[in-house]
Protein backbone atom coordinates (compact mmCIF):
# COMPACT_ATOMS: atom_id res chain seq x y z
CA MET A 1 62.65 -32.33 28.26
CA SER A 2 62.28 -32.15 24.49
CA ILE A 3 59.06 -31.17 22.82
CA ASN A 4 57.88 -33.08 19.78
CA SER A 5 54.73 -33.31 17.72
CA TYR A 6 53.79 -36.79 18.88
CA PRO A 7 50.73 -37.32 21.06
CA PRO A 8 51.04 -39.16 24.44
CA SER A 9 50.47 -42.50 22.70
CA GLY A 10 53.71 -42.05 20.73
CA LYS A 11 52.02 -42.08 17.30
CA PRO A 12 52.14 -39.15 14.87
CA ALA A 13 49.13 -36.85 15.05
CA ARG A 14 46.67 -37.35 12.22
CA PHE A 15 44.53 -34.75 10.57
CA PRO A 16 40.91 -35.56 11.50
CA VAL A 17 39.05 -37.12 8.60
CA ALA A 18 35.80 -35.38 9.58
CA THR A 19 37.50 -31.97 9.40
CA LEU A 20 38.88 -32.78 5.96
CA VAL A 21 35.45 -33.88 4.73
CA ASP A 22 33.73 -30.77 6.12
CA THR A 23 36.36 -28.50 4.57
CA THR A 24 35.94 -30.20 1.20
CA LYS A 25 32.16 -29.85 1.36
CA TYR A 26 32.47 -26.18 2.26
CA LEU A 27 34.84 -25.47 -0.62
CA LEU A 28 32.57 -27.32 -3.06
CA VAL A 29 29.51 -25.38 -1.92
CA MET A 30 31.32 -22.03 -2.17
CA THR A 31 32.69 -22.95 -5.60
CA GLY A 32 29.20 -23.87 -6.79
CA LEU A 33 27.79 -20.61 -5.42
CA VAL A 34 30.44 -18.53 -7.18
CA TRP A 35 29.85 -20.43 -10.41
CA PHE A 36 26.08 -19.92 -10.11
CA LEU A 37 26.48 -16.16 -9.58
CA ALA A 38 28.95 -15.88 -12.47
CA VAL A 39 26.68 -17.76 -14.89
CA GLY A 40 23.61 -15.84 -13.76
CA THR A 41 25.35 -12.51 -14.17
CA GLU A 42 26.57 -13.45 -17.65
CA ARG A 43 23.09 -14.48 -18.79
CA LEU A 44 21.51 -11.34 -17.38
CA GLY A 45 24.00 -9.18 -19.21
CA TYR A 46 24.19 -6.90 -16.19
CA ASN A 47 26.89 -4.25 -16.17
CA TRP A 48 28.37 -4.23 -12.67
CA GLN A 49 29.45 -0.81 -11.40
CA TRP A 50 30.82 -1.45 -7.94
CA TYR A 51 33.19 1.52 -8.27
CA ARG A 52 30.20 3.84 -7.76
CA ILE A 53 29.21 2.38 -4.37
CA PRO A 54 31.89 3.97 -2.09
CA GLN A 55 30.46 7.46 -2.63
CA TYR A 56 27.25 6.32 -0.93
CA LEU A 57 29.19 4.98 2.07
CA TRP A 58 31.56 7.88 2.69
CA GLN A 59 32.66 11.10 1.02
CA HIS A 60 36.20 12.36 1.40
CA THR A 61 37.70 15.65 0.34
CA GLU A 62 40.98 17.38 1.16
CA HIS A 63 39.58 19.08 4.27
CA ASP A 64 36.50 17.09 5.13
CA PHE A 65 35.23 13.54 5.68
CA SER A 66 31.51 12.83 5.81
CA CYS A 67 29.18 9.87 5.76
CA GLY A 68 27.42 8.91 2.55
CA LEU A 69 23.68 8.43 2.19
CA LEU A 70 23.79 4.76 3.19
CA MET A 71 25.76 5.52 6.36
CA GLN A 72 23.35 8.34 7.20
CA GLY A 73 20.50 5.88 6.83
CA LEU A 74 22.37 3.40 9.02
CA GLY A 75 22.58 6.08 11.71
CA VAL A 76 18.80 6.46 11.66
CA THR A 77 18.44 2.67 11.81
CA PHE A 78 20.72 2.60 14.87
CA GLN A 79 18.64 5.27 16.60
CA ILE A 80 15.37 3.45 15.95
CA THR A 81 16.84 0.08 16.91
CA CYS A 82 18.50 1.22 20.16
CA ILE A 83 15.43 3.05 21.47
CA SER A 84 13.13 0.21 20.41
CA MET A 85 15.40 -2.35 22.07
CA VAL A 86 15.23 -0.58 25.44
CA LEU A 87 11.45 -0.26 25.19
CA MET A 88 11.20 -3.88 24.02
CA LEU A 89 12.97 -5.11 27.16
CA PHE A 90 10.81 -2.93 29.41
CA ILE A 91 7.54 -3.95 27.73
CA GLY A 92 8.55 -7.60 27.61
CA LEU A 93 9.49 -7.77 31.29
CA THR A 94 6.39 -5.83 32.39
CA THR A 95 4.09 -8.06 30.35
CA ALA A 96 5.76 -11.21 31.69
CA LEU A 97 5.31 -10.04 35.29
CA LEU A 98 1.68 -9.09 34.63
CA ARG A 99 1.00 -12.57 33.30
CA MET A 100 2.41 -14.09 36.50
CA THR A 101 0.38 -11.99 38.96
CA ASP A 102 -2.72 -13.15 40.85
CA SER A 103 -4.82 -10.37 39.35
CA TRP A 104 -7.09 -11.65 36.59
CA ALA A 105 -7.40 -8.12 35.17
CA ALA A 106 -3.61 -7.76 34.81
CA ARG A 107 -3.34 -11.21 33.24
CA GLY A 108 -6.21 -10.40 30.89
CA VAL A 109 -4.67 -7.11 29.70
CA ALA A 110 -1.31 -8.80 29.10
CA ARG A 111 -2.96 -11.69 27.26
CA VAL A 112 -5.03 -9.44 25.00
CA TYR A 113 -1.97 -7.35 24.15
CA MET A 114 0.06 -10.44 23.27
CA GLU A 115 -2.65 -12.02 21.14
CA LEU A 116 -3.35 -8.82 19.20
CA ILE A 117 0.30 -8.06 18.51
CA ARG A 118 1.57 -11.57 17.77
CA ASN A 119 -1.32 -12.47 15.47
CA SER A 120 -1.24 -9.42 13.21
CA PRO A 121 1.44 -8.38 10.69
CA LEU A 122 4.03 -5.85 11.78
CA LEU A 123 3.48 -3.81 8.61
CA ILE A 124 -0.21 -3.35 9.46
CA GLN A 125 0.71 -2.26 12.97
CA ILE A 126 3.16 0.32 11.62
CA PHE A 127 0.50 1.69 9.25
CA PHE A 128 -2.09 1.82 12.03
CA ILE A 129 0.14 3.70 14.46
CA TYR A 130 1.52 6.02 11.77
CA PHE A 131 -1.76 6.91 10.01
CA VAL A 132 -4.25 6.62 12.91
CA VAL A 133 -2.57 7.02 16.29
CA ALA A 134 0.23 9.45 15.35
CA PRO A 135 -2.05 12.23 13.98
CA ILE A 136 -4.27 12.05 17.09
CA LEU A 137 -1.31 12.33 19.48
CA ASP A 138 0.65 14.71 17.21
CA MET A 139 3.45 12.15 17.04
CA SER A 140 6.30 12.23 14.53
CA GLY A 141 6.90 9.40 12.11
CA PHE A 142 10.12 8.49 13.91
CA TRP A 143 8.38 7.85 17.22
CA ALA A 144 5.48 6.09 15.52
CA ALA A 145 7.97 3.64 14.03
CA VAL A 146 9.74 3.21 17.38
CA ILE A 147 6.49 2.48 19.23
CA ALA A 148 5.31 0.01 16.58
CA LEU A 149 8.58 -1.93 16.69
CA SER A 150 8.72 -1.85 20.49
CA LEU A 151 5.20 -3.20 20.90
CA PHE A 152 5.74 -5.91 18.31
CA GLU A 153 9.07 -7.17 19.61
CA GLY A 154 8.02 -6.72 23.24
CA ALA A 155 5.21 -9.24 22.80
CA TYR A 156 7.73 -11.93 21.82
CA ALA A 157 10.26 -10.82 24.44
CA SER A 158 7.62 -11.23 27.16
CA GLU A 159 7.40 -14.97 26.49
CA ILE A 160 11.20 -15.21 26.68
CA PHE A 161 11.23 -13.40 30.03
CA ARG A 162 8.38 -15.50 31.40
CA ALA A 163 10.06 -18.76 30.36
CA GLY A 164 13.31 -17.67 32.01
CA ILE A 165 11.57 -16.68 35.27
CA VAL A 166 9.53 -19.86 35.43
CA SER A 167 12.66 -21.98 34.84
CA ILE A 168 14.22 -20.82 38.14
CA ASP A 169 14.27 -23.64 40.66
CA LYS A 170 11.45 -23.58 43.20
CA GLY A 171 13.97 -23.69 46.03
CA GLN A 172 15.27 -20.24 45.03
CA TRP A 173 11.81 -18.77 45.47
CA GLU A 174 11.29 -20.48 48.80
CA ALA A 175 14.72 -19.40 50.08
CA ALA A 176 14.03 -15.76 49.16
CA LYS A 177 10.63 -15.84 50.85
CA SER A 178 12.07 -17.49 53.95
CA LEU A 179 14.48 -14.55 54.26
CA GLY A 180 11.50 -12.19 54.30
CA MET A 181 12.39 -10.51 51.02
CA ALA A 182 9.79 -8.33 49.36
CA PRO A 183 8.74 -9.29 45.81
CA TYR A 184 10.71 -6.40 44.28
CA ALA A 185 13.91 -7.32 46.14
CA MET A 186 13.40 -11.00 45.39
CA TYR A 187 13.11 -10.41 41.65
CA ARG A 188 15.95 -7.90 41.56
CA HIS A 189 18.54 -9.81 43.59
CA ILE A 190 17.58 -13.48 43.22
CA ILE A 191 15.28 -14.33 40.30
CA LEU A 192 16.13 -11.95 37.47
CA PRO A 193 19.96 -12.25 37.69
CA GLN A 194 19.65 -16.01 37.24
CA ALA A 195 16.95 -15.75 34.58
CA ILE A 196 18.95 -13.27 32.46
CA ARG A 197 21.81 -15.77 32.10
CA ARG A 198 19.37 -18.32 30.69
CA ILE A 199 17.42 -16.04 28.37
CA LEU A 200 20.38 -14.13 26.93
CA PRO A 201 20.65 -16.32 23.76
CA PRO A 202 16.94 -16.08 22.81
CA LEU A 203 16.93 -12.36 23.64
CA THR A 204 19.86 -11.98 21.25
CA SER A 205 17.83 -13.62 18.50
CA GLN A 206 14.98 -11.23 19.25
CA ALA A 207 17.34 -8.25 19.08
CA VAL A 208 18.61 -9.47 15.71
CA SER A 209 15.01 -9.75 14.52
CA LEU A 210 14.45 -6.19 15.68
CA VAL A 211 17.35 -4.95 13.55
CA LYS A 212 15.98 -6.72 10.48
CA ASP A 213 12.35 -5.75 11.14
CA SER A 214 13.39 -2.10 11.38
CA ALA A 215 13.68 -2.13 7.58
CA LEU A 216 9.87 -2.00 7.41
CA VAL A 217 9.81 1.55 8.77
CA SER A 218 10.94 2.65 5.32
CA THR A 219 7.32 2.19 4.23
CA VAL A 220 6.31 5.28 6.23
CA ALA A 221 8.98 7.58 4.78
CA ILE A 222 11.56 7.11 7.54
CA MET A 223 15.00 7.76 6.04
CA ASP A 224 16.61 4.62 7.40
CA LEU A 225 19.11 2.39 5.64
CA THR A 226 16.51 0.60 3.53
CA GLN A 227 14.78 3.81 2.44
CA GLN A 228 18.10 5.37 1.46
CA GLY A 229 18.85 2.26 -0.58
CA ARG A 230 15.49 2.51 -2.35
CA MET A 231 16.07 6.16 -3.24
CA ILE A 232 19.59 5.53 -4.54
CA ASP A 233 18.35 2.56 -6.57
CA ALA A 234 15.57 4.64 -8.12
CA GLU A 235 18.04 7.36 -9.05
CA THR A 236 20.99 5.31 -10.30
CA PHE A 237 19.48 1.90 -11.27
CA LEU A 238 22.37 0.18 -9.45
CA THR A 239 19.93 -2.45 -8.26
CA PHE A 240 22.22 -5.35 -7.44
CA GLU A 241 25.11 -3.29 -6.13
CA ILE A 242 22.96 -1.20 -3.80
CA TRP A 243 20.90 -4.02 -2.34
CA PHE A 244 23.90 -6.33 -1.94
CA THR A 245 25.61 -3.50 -0.06
CA VAL A 246 22.56 -2.87 2.12
CA ALA A 247 22.29 -6.59 2.89
CA ALA A 248 26.00 -6.72 3.76
CA ILE A 249 25.61 -3.79 6.17
CA TYR A 250 22.69 -5.47 7.93
CA LEU A 251 24.73 -8.68 8.11
CA VAL A 252 27.71 -6.91 9.69
CA VAL A 253 25.44 -5.23 12.27
CA THR A 254 23.66 -8.44 13.28
CA LEU A 255 26.87 -10.49 13.43
CA THR A 256 28.51 -7.80 15.58
CA LEU A 257 25.51 -7.80 17.92
CA SER A 258 25.61 -11.58 18.20
CA GLY A 259 29.35 -11.49 18.90
CA VAL A 260 29.00 -8.90 21.69
CA VAL A 261 26.23 -10.88 23.36
CA ARG A 262 28.29 -14.07 23.05
CA ILE A 263 31.10 -12.37 24.97
CA LEU A 264 28.66 -11.23 27.66
CA GLU A 265 27.26 -14.75 27.87
CA ARG A 266 30.74 -16.18 28.48
CA ARG A 267 31.35 -13.64 31.23
CA PHE A 268 28.03 -14.42 32.88
CA ASN A 269 28.76 -18.14 32.76
CA GLY A 270 32.25 -17.56 34.13
CA SER A 271 30.99 -15.48 37.02
CA GLN A 272 28.33 -18.08 37.75
CA GLN A 273 30.89 -20.89 37.91
CA SER A 274 33.13 -18.89 40.24
CA PHE A 275 30.54 -18.92 42.99
């Protein structure tokens, strides 16, 4: 049997018109953006010095290779983000379960926590924990920033968890209870595994928000990526180069996180379909 480029109908394959139109629009938009940046740069009279940026990313000698100031700040950002993400998931799940209990006291505590956190700016919360709570508890600035981010993001994550748990079909709850399962076993083996598959996309968005919100910890002298960028900018006056580089690093981190979660989501969906 010979293989040709004709579709089953016998007619030559045509390039989709919609794809051609979308490609043209994309190229026009990108061309306009490049033109806008070129004209703006020319009118500003800014002297670009991109050749000076690599030294702040990495430093290489004949016998040694070390991270630059921006990469060191990125390491601190990773530490804060990873710890805060674990605490965010724990706080969010705990708050969601408290809101679904029969105890009015537990529901009241969870509700007060959510309303206070969600209706006040994150920056104010960071200042309050750093300047008021941290000195009382003899807490370092690093952990003050972690706790502030965890509490803030956990309040939003709790609604995501609660929505996922409530979305589970009533028959699943009844089947678990009919088997005599305790609440802990029911949530662990029946409810939460199904809910996680549904809430993974919104949890990813919350994790991305956590990465971006972590930039605010620079206001309390935490040497994260943003703070390192501010110090380099103040010393070198490479305003555009530094902040474009910092923005690009944040973009790479968030896109990588979204890609990893997308892979996990496909695997979860695949394992669900196999049953």
